[in-house]
Amino acid sequence: MAKITKVDIFMIDLKPKVKRVDAIQSFVSQETPFVRITDEDGQVGLGYTYTIGQGGGAIMSLLRETLVPQLIGREAEEIERIWRDLLFSTHATAVGAITSLALAAIDTALWDLRCKRAKLPLHVMLGGAKDSVPMYTTEGGWLHKETEELVADALEAQAKGFHGSKVKIGKPHLNEDRERLAAVRKAVGPNYEIMVDANQSLSRAEATRRAHMLEELDIAWFEEPLPADDVLEHVGLAAASTVPIAVGESMYSVSQFKDYLVSGGAAIVQVDVARVGGITPWMKVAHMAEAHNVPVCPHFLMELHVALVCAIPNAPWLEYIPQLDGLTKTPMRMEQGRAFASTEPGLGIDWDMEALDALKIDGLSASFGA
């Protein structure tokens, strides 16, 4: 083992290359905090987290003032102990988004470091269930797009080998959502999956109405129909719908997923490695979902999630939303609609450090230790 001797933190702000609009928000920027951990042997692990346009400064403050100073001198291999100690040191702000997102930046850096020391890729270190996974695309299904654009994007994705497309829903009237989805279904045929996402925008009554409409179009899943913290309403909706209910991207602890799984409120778990607090809790959720015979289809961060979904047996999909274009020297490998986990030691993300340095936000960087 080797002790942590130095930790650096910095943040960049990524601007999406395409317009991204759903039923509750527009993605104008992606604030991305980084944590770089160096051990006494000189090995380095780089981890990261993100917010959609807001809260990045709060994460950096929590890292700088509370979490990172506790890392110096710790054994880097004791990831579970470190994660638990950091969680309880922020007891007054947990469970919560800012705390979980900050923990994730540290936890992913520690796993990157562990894998590099062991000379193993992350998906092998965590189990090595497979080396690739089918992808579905969300990048062309945003709510602001006209029906003709949705159809064209789905057909293009299908031609490229993608196995499905996600379409955002939540238009003012049900018939608007129906018209858009029906056009896509007619274009792609019966064997191409269509997922839908309401981004927590509906009431229980409206979600039930739309669930019946989605059944007619053979929709693969109904994502975030209701506010994510309302487990009981999801349980009721799931009982009334033959379309699988998918939740998880807006949940921030292992226990929240437990409540959904035990109660039957989720047929698909969409745990986000950043929002749940890192790889350590992500794997706990994944194994818990497997015990309930529920698939894991994570939200966003495809360049990191590809290794995690390839580590476990119950992850049938990876969501395609490009995030790190221009920040890596080698992109995630994709062939015929499948994503392949990197065989390089670490998280599998080939960072372009010069590109990251050029995007650092002034005044937020800090260093600790030697």
Protein backbone atom coordinates (compact mmCIF):
# COMPACT_ATOMS: atom_id res chain seq x y z
CA MET A 1 0.00 0.00 0.00
CA ALA A 2 1.01 3.66 -0.26
CA LYS A 3 -0.05 6.76 1.61
CA ILE A 4 -1.59 9.82 -0.02
CA THR A 5 0.96 12.64 -0.10
CA LYS A 6 -0.64 15.27 -2.34
CA VAL A 7 -4.11 16.25 -3.58
CA ASP A 8 -4.92 18.87 -6.19
CA ILE A 9 -8.41 20.16 -7.03
CA PHE A 10 -9.62 22.27 -9.97
CA MET A 11 -12.80 22.84 -11.97
CA ILE A 12 -13.64 23.38 -15.62
CA ASP A 13 -16.91 24.43 -17.25
CA LEU A 14 -17.99 22.44 -20.29
CA LYS A 15 -20.39 23.98 -22.79
CA PRO A 16 -22.60 21.40 -24.56
CA LYS A 17 -22.01 21.25 -28.30
CA VAL A 18 -25.71 20.77 -29.00
CA LYS A 19 -28.81 22.35 -27.47
CA ARG A 20 -30.17 20.13 -24.69
CA VAL A 21 -33.69 20.85 -23.43
CA ASP A 22 -35.99 18.62 -21.39
CA ALA A 23 -39.27 19.19 -19.56
CA ILE A 24 -37.72 21.09 -16.65
CA GLN A 25 -34.42 22.64 -17.76
CA SER A 26 -32.00 23.63 -20.50
CA PHE A 27 -28.36 22.50 -20.32
CA VAL A 28 -26.32 25.67 -20.74
CA SER A 29 -23.14 24.42 -19.07
CA GLN A 30 -21.63 21.53 -17.18
CA GLU A 31 -19.46 22.47 -14.23
CA THR A 32 -16.90 19.69 -13.74
CA PRO A 33 -14.76 19.52 -10.57
CA PHE A 34 -11.63 17.34 -10.63
CA VAL A 35 -9.58 15.73 -7.85
CA ARG A 36 -6.02 14.52 -8.53
CA ILE A 37 -4.49 12.27 -5.85
CA THR A 38 -0.77 11.41 -5.68
CA ASP A 39 0.62 8.66 -3.45
CA GLU A 40 4.08 8.30 -1.92
CA ASP A 41 5.22 6.13 -4.85
CA GLY A 42 4.39 8.89 -7.31
CA GLN A 43 1.34 7.17 -8.78
CA VAL A 44 -1.54 9.49 -9.68
CA GLY A 45 -5.30 9.00 -9.80
CA LEU A 46 -7.65 11.52 -11.43
CA GLY A 47 -11.36 11.61 -10.59
CA TYR A 48 -14.21 13.95 -11.41
CA THR A 49 -17.85 14.83 -10.86
CA TYR A 50 -20.31 17.28 -12.44
CA THR A 51 -23.32 19.55 -12.10
CA ILE A 52 -25.72 20.83 -14.75
CA GLY A 53 -24.78 24.49 -14.71
CA GLN A 54 -25.07 25.21 -10.99
CA GLY A 55 -23.46 24.18 -7.71
CA GLY A 56 -19.92 23.56 -8.89
CA GLY A 57 -18.53 26.24 -6.61
CA ALA A 58 -20.25 24.69 -3.60
CA ILE A 59 -18.69 21.32 -4.42
CA MET A 60 -15.26 22.91 -4.69
CA SER A 61 -15.75 24.65 -1.35
CA LEU A 62 -16.70 21.39 0.36
CA LEU A 63 -13.68 19.65 -1.15
CA ARG A 64 -11.30 22.45 -0.21
CA GLU A 65 -12.56 23.26 3.28
CA THR A 66 -13.69 19.86 4.59
CA LEU A 67 -12.96 16.73 2.59
CA VAL A 68 -9.58 16.96 0.87
CA PRO A 69 -7.55 17.97 3.97
CA GLN A 70 -8.58 14.66 5.54
CA LEU A 71 -6.91 12.67 2.74
CA ILE A 72 -3.27 13.55 3.38
CA GLY A 73 -1.48 10.63 5.04
CA ARG A 74 -4.30 8.15 4.49
CA GLU A 75 -3.68 4.73 2.92
CA ALA A 76 -4.96 5.14 -0.64
CA GLU A 77 -6.05 1.49 -0.87
CA GLU A 78 -8.50 1.85 2.03
CA ILE A 79 -11.19 3.24 -0.23
CA GLU A 80 -14.19 1.98 1.74
CA ARG A 81 -12.78 3.35 5.00
CA ILE A 82 -11.99 6.71 3.45
CA TRP A 83 -15.43 6.99 1.83
CA ARG A 84 -17.17 6.15 5.12
CA ASP A 85 -15.02 8.54 7.16
CA LEU A 86 -15.61 11.40 4.74
CA LEU A 87 -19.36 10.74 4.69
CA PHE A 88 -19.63 10.89 8.46
CA SER A 89 -17.41 13.97 8.66
CA THR A 90 -20.11 15.73 6.58
CA HIS A 91 -23.00 14.21 8.50
CA ALA A 92 -24.81 17.54 8.75
CA THR A 93 -24.98 17.88 4.95
CA ALA A 94 -25.69 14.26 4.03
CA VAL A 95 -27.67 12.78 2.36
CA GLY A 96 -27.54 15.51 -0.26
CA ALA A 97 -26.50 16.28 -3.80
CA ILE A 98 -23.51 18.53 -3.05
CA THR A 99 -21.98 16.09 -0.55
CA SER A 100 -22.47 13.06 -2.80
CA LEU A 101 -21.05 14.85 -5.83
CA ALA A 102 -17.98 15.94 -3.86
CA LEU A 103 -17.45 12.42 -2.51
CA ALA A 104 -17.65 11.07 -6.05
CA ALA A 105 -14.74 13.23 -7.25
CA ILE A 106 -12.54 11.78 -4.50
CA ASP A 107 -13.79 8.22 -4.81
CA THR A 108 -13.29 8.01 -8.58
CA ALA A 109 -9.75 9.37 -8.15
CA LEU A 110 -8.99 6.69 -5.56
CA TRP A 111 -10.30 3.93 -7.82
CA ASP A 112 -8.27 5.30 -10.73
CA LEU A 113 -5.21 5.20 -8.49
CA ARG A 114 -5.94 1.66 -7.26
CA CYS A 115 -6.37 0.33 -10.78
CA LYS A 116 -3.18 1.99 -12.00
CA ARG A 117 -1.22 0.54 -9.07
CA ALA A 118 -2.67 -2.90 -9.84
CA LYS A 119 -2.16 -2.41 -13.61
CA LEU A 120 -5.80 -3.37 -14.24
CA PRO A 121 -8.64 -1.64 -16.11
CA LEU A 122 -11.55 -0.62 -13.89
CA HIS A 123 -14.08 -3.06 -15.34
CA VAL A 124 -11.74 -5.98 -14.63
CA MET A 125 -10.88 -4.77 -11.14
CA LEU A 126 -14.59 -4.60 -10.31
CA GLY A 127 -15.63 -7.97 -11.72
CA GLY A 128 -15.09 -8.13 -15.47
CA ALA A 129 -18.54 -9.42 -16.45
CA LYS A 130 -18.15 -8.39 -20.11
CA ASP A 131 -16.06 -6.19 -22.35
CA SER A 132 -18.77 -4.29 -24.25
CA VAL A 133 -22.38 -3.16 -23.97
CA PRO A 134 -25.12 -1.99 -26.39
CA MET A 135 -25.81 1.75 -26.55
CA TYR A 136 -28.94 3.84 -26.92
CA THR A 137 -28.72 7.51 -27.80
CA THR A 138 -30.32 10.46 -26.02
CA GLU A 139 -28.46 13.17 -27.89
CA GLY A 140 -31.10 13.61 -30.62
CA GLY A 141 -34.27 13.26 -28.55
CA TRP A 142 -34.45 16.60 -26.76
CA LEU A 143 -37.83 18.18 -26.08
CA HIS A 144 -37.34 21.29 -28.22
CA LYS A 145 -36.79 19.27 -31.39
CA GLU A 146 -39.54 19.09 -33.98
CA THR A 147 -41.01 15.71 -34.85
CA GLU A 148 -39.19 15.59 -38.18
CA GLU A 149 -35.87 16.09 -36.40
CA LEU A 150 -36.63 13.30 -33.91
CA VAL A 151 -37.41 10.90 -36.74
CA ALA A 152 -34.31 11.84 -38.72
CA ASP A 153 -32.06 11.41 -35.69
CA ALA A 154 -33.55 8.03 -34.74
CA LEU A 155 -33.14 6.75 -38.29
CA GLU A 156 -29.55 7.97 -38.40
CA ALA A 157 -28.80 6.30 -35.05
CA GLN A 158 -30.40 3.07 -36.22
CA ALA A 159 -28.27 3.13 -39.38
CA LYS A 160 -25.13 3.60 -37.26
CA GLY A 161 -25.92 0.50 -35.26
CA PHE A 162 -27.44 2.01 -32.12
CA HIS A 163 -29.99 -0.28 -30.53
CA GLY A 164 -32.38 2.38 -29.27
CA SER A 165 -33.18 6.09 -28.89
CA LYS A 166 -34.53 8.08 -25.96
CA VAL A 167 -37.13 10.77 -26.59
CA LYS A 168 -37.93 13.45 -24.05
CA ILE A 169 -41.62 13.87 -23.21
CA GLY A 170 -43.62 16.32 -21.12
CA LYS A 171 -45.32 18.50 -23.72
CA PRO A 172 -48.35 20.44 -22.42
CA HIS A 173 -50.80 17.93 -23.90
CA LEU A 174 -50.59 14.15 -24.09
CA ASN A 175 -51.39 14.16 -27.81
CA GLU A 176 -48.26 16.19 -28.52
CA ASP A 177 -46.12 13.49 -26.92
CA ARG A 178 -48.10 10.79 -28.71
CA GLU A 179 -47.66 12.36 -32.13
CA ARG A 180 -43.90 12.66 -31.71
CA LEU A 181 -43.44 9.12 -30.42
CA ALA A 182 -45.77 7.56 -32.98
CA ALA A 183 -43.80 9.14 -35.80
CA VAL A 184 -40.54 7.76 -34.45
CA ARG A 185 -42.02 4.30 -33.93
CA LYS A 186 -43.40 4.22 -37.48
CA ALA A 187 -40.01 5.23 -38.88
CA VAL A 188 -37.78 2.80 -36.95
CA GLY A 189 -40.10 -0.21 -36.94
CA PRO A 190 -40.99 -2.64 -34.14
CA ASN A 191 -37.52 -4.00 -33.31
CA TYR A 192 -35.79 -0.76 -32.36
CA GLU A 193 -36.14 0.33 -28.74
CA ILE A 194 -37.63 3.70 -27.83
CA MET A 195 -37.19 4.99 -24.29
CA VAL A 196 -38.93 8.08 -22.92
CA ASP A 197 -37.97 10.51 -20.15
CA ALA A 198 -40.31 13.00 -18.45
CA ASN A 199 -37.62 14.43 -16.13
CA GLN A 200 -39.87 14.43 -13.04
CA SER A 201 -42.31 16.85 -14.69
CA LEU A 202 -45.65 15.01 -14.34
CA SER A 203 -48.30 14.51 -11.70
CA ARG A 204 -49.35 10.97 -10.79
CA ALA A 205 -52.60 11.34 -12.75
CA GLU A 206 -50.88 12.71 -15.85
CA ALA A 207 -48.15 10.08 -15.67
CA THR A 208 -50.80 7.35 -15.53
CA ARG A 209 -52.50 8.77 -18.63
CA ARG A 210 -49.23 8.86 -20.51
CA ALA A 211 -48.28 5.36 -19.35
CA HIS A 212 -51.32 3.94 -21.14
CA MET A 213 -50.34 5.81 -24.30
CA LEU A 214 -46.78 4.51 -24.03
CA GLU A 215 -48.02 0.93 -23.82
CA GLU A 216 -49.64 1.30 -27.24
CA LEU A 217 -46.29 2.29 -28.76
CA ASP A 218 -44.27 -0.49 -27.09
CA ILE A 219 -42.00 1.92 -25.23
CA ALA A 220 -39.04 0.27 -23.50
CA TRP A 221 -39.21 2.33 -20.31
CA PHE A 222 -40.83 5.40 -18.73
CA GLU A 223 -38.07 7.41 -17.03
CA GLU A 224 -38.47 9.81 -14.11
CA PRO A 225 -42.21 10.36 -14.55
CA LEU A 226 -42.61 11.88 -11.06
CA PRO A 227 -40.46 13.71 -8.49
CA ALA A 228 -37.72 11.23 -7.60
CA ASP A 229 -38.12 11.57 -3.83
CA ASP A 230 -41.73 10.33 -3.93
CA VAL A 231 -41.30 6.56 -3.65
CA LEU A 232 -44.95 5.74 -2.88
CA GLU A 233 -46.28 7.53 -5.95
CA HIS A 234 -43.83 5.60 -8.12
CA VAL A 235 -44.99 2.35 -6.51
CA GLY A 236 -48.57 3.16 -7.41
CA LEU A 237 -47.68 4.15 -10.96
CA ALA A 238 -45.56 1.03 -11.45
CA ALA A 239 -48.50 -1.15 -10.36
CA ALA A 240 -50.75 0.56 -12.92
CA SER A 241 -48.32 0.44 -15.87
CA THR A 242 -46.99 -2.38 -18.03
CA VAL A 243 -44.22 -0.03 -19.21
CA PRO A 244 -41.20 -0.42 -16.89
CA ILE A 245 -40.61 2.58 -14.62
CA ALA A 246 -36.99 3.82 -14.56
CA VAL A 247 -35.56 6.03 -11.81
CA GLY A 248 -32.22 6.77 -10.21
CA GLU A 249 -30.38 9.71 -11.73
CA SER A 250 -31.75 12.06 -9.06
CA MET A 251 -31.02 9.86 -6.07
CA TYR A 252 -28.03 10.36 -3.78
CA SER A 253 -27.64 7.38 -1.46
CA VAL A 254 -27.68 3.59 -1.46
CA SER A 255 -30.62 3.60 0.94
CA GLN A 256 -32.83 5.55 -1.47
CA PHE A 257 -32.33 2.82 -4.06
CA LYS A 258 -33.10 0.20 -1.43
CA ASP A 259 -36.49 1.79 -0.78
CA TYR A 260 -37.36 1.71 -4.47
CA LEU A 261 -36.22 -1.86 -4.98
CA VAL A 262 -37.91 -3.30 -1.89
CA SER A 263 -41.20 -1.52 -2.64
CA GLY A 264 -41.31 -2.33 -6.37
CA GLY A 265 -41.23 1.32 -7.42
CA ALA A 266 -38.46 0.84 -9.99
CA ALA A 267 -38.14 -1.75 -12.72
CA ILE A 268 -34.92 -0.17 -14.00
CA VAL A 269 -32.23 1.47 -11.85
CA GLN A 270 -30.42 4.46 -13.38
CA VAL A 271 -27.79 5.06 -10.74
CA ASP A 272 -25.40 7.91 -11.63
CA VAL A 273 -21.83 7.36 -10.36
CA ALA A 274 -21.35 11.07 -9.61
CA ARG A 275 -24.68 11.71 -7.95
CA VAL A 276 -24.64 8.62 -5.75
CA GLY A 277 -21.22 9.46 -4.35
CA GLY A 278 -18.75 7.51 -6.47
CA ILE A 279 -17.83 4.02 -7.60
CA THR A 280 -17.92 2.58 -4.07
CA PRO A 281 -21.68 3.18 -3.53
CA TRP A 282 -22.46 2.66 -7.24
CA MET A 283 -21.32 -0.96 -7.03
CA LYS A 284 -23.42 -1.52 -3.91
CA VAL A 285 -26.51 -0.30 -5.74
CA ALA A 286 -25.70 -2.46 -8.75
CA HIS A 287 -25.34 -5.63 -6.68
CA MET A 288 -28.48 -4.81 -4.71
CA ALA A 289 -30.37 -4.39 -7.98
CA GLU A 290 -29.04 -7.73 -9.20
CA ALA A 291 -30.38 -9.38 -6.03
CA HIS A 292 -33.82 -7.98 -6.95
CA ASN A 293 -33.46 -9.11 -10.59
CA VAL A 294 -33.53 -5.47 -11.74
CA PRO A 295 -31.30 -4.13 -14.54
CA VAL A 296 -28.94 -1.17 -14.13
CA CYS A 297 -28.96 1.43 -16.93
CA PRO A 298 -26.90 4.37 -15.62
CA HIS A 299 -27.48 8.03 -16.34
CA PHE A 300 -25.02 10.13 -18.38
CA LEU A 301 -21.17 10.01 -17.97
CA MET A 302 -20.79 7.32 -20.61
CA GLU A 303 -16.99 7.57 -20.64
CA LEU A 304 -16.88 6.49 -16.98
CA HIS A 305 -20.00 4.33 -16.84
CA VAL A 306 -18.83 2.08 -19.69
CA ALA A 307 -16.35 0.42 -17.32
CA LEU A 308 -18.94 0.06 -14.57
CA VAL A 309 -21.62 -1.53 -16.76
CA CYS A 310 -19.02 -3.94 -18.14
CA ALA A 311 -18.06 -4.91 -14.59
CA ILE A 312 -21.50 -6.29 -13.71
CA PRO A 313 -23.86 -8.81 -15.32
CA ASN A 314 -27.13 -6.87 -14.93
CA ALA A 315 -26.37 -3.78 -17.06
CA PRO A 316 -27.90 -4.14 -20.55
CA TRP A 317 -27.45 -0.54 -21.80
CA LEU A 318 -25.12 2.46 -21.88
CA GLU A 319 -26.56 5.91 -22.52
CA TYR A 320 -24.87 7.79 -25.37
CA ILE A 321 -24.44 11.50 -24.58
CA PRO A 322 -20.95 12.67 -25.57
CA GLN A 323 -19.39 14.66 -22.76
CA LEU A 324 -15.61 14.62 -22.99
CA ASP A 325 -15.00 15.32 -26.68
CA GLY A 326 -11.93 17.53 -26.89
CA LEU A 327 -10.75 16.63 -23.39
CA THR A 328 -9.37 13.18 -24.15
CA LYS A 329 -6.64 12.00 -26.46
CA THR A 330 -8.43 8.74 -27.18
CA PRO A 331 -12.25 8.61 -27.34
CA MET A 332 -14.38 5.83 -25.94
CA ARG A 333 -14.30 2.91 -28.37
CA MET A 334 -17.60 2.37 -30.21
CA GLU A 335 -18.38 -0.18 -32.91
CA GLN A 336 -21.75 -1.00 -34.44
CA GLY A 337 -23.75 0.47 -31.63
CA ARG A 338 -21.66 -1.07 -28.84
CA ALA A 339 -19.35 0.64 -26.37
CA PHE A 340 -16.16 -1.13 -25.29
CA ALA A 341 -14.48 -0.76 -21.93
CA SER A 342 -10.88 0.42 -22.09
CA THR A 343 -8.17 -2.18 -21.50
CA GLU A 344 -5.80 0.45 -20.05
CA PRO A 345 -5.19 0.55 -16.28
CA GLY A 346 -7.39 3.01 -14.42
CA LEU A 347 -10.80 4.48 -15.17
CA GLY A 348 -10.13 4.11 -18.88
CA ILE A 349 -10.31 7.83 -19.69
CA ASP A 350 -7.27 9.10 -21.63
CA TRP A 351 -7.30 12.70 -20.39
CA ASP A 352 -5.65 15.48 -22.39
CA MET A 353 -4.12 17.38 -19.48
CA GLU A 354 -3.23 20.38 -21.63
CA ALA A 355 -6.87 20.71 -22.67
CA LEU A 356 -8.00 20.47 -19.04
CA ASP A 357 -5.44 23.03 -17.89
CA ALA A 358 -6.65 25.47 -20.53
CA LEU A 359 -10.21 25.31 -19.19
CA LYS A 360 -9.50 25.67 -15.48
CA ILE A 361 -11.66 28.29 -13.78
CA ASP A 362 -9.51 30.91 -12.04
CA GLY A 363 -9.66 31.07 -8.27
CA LEU A 364 -11.00 27.58 -7.64
CA SER A 365 -7.85 25.46 -7.82
CA ALA A 366 -6.03 24.36 -4.65
CA SER A 367 -3.25 21.98 -3.61
CA PHE A 368 -2.70 20.07 -0.37
CA GLY A 369 0.32 18.13 0.91
CA ALA A 370 3.83 17.86 -0.45
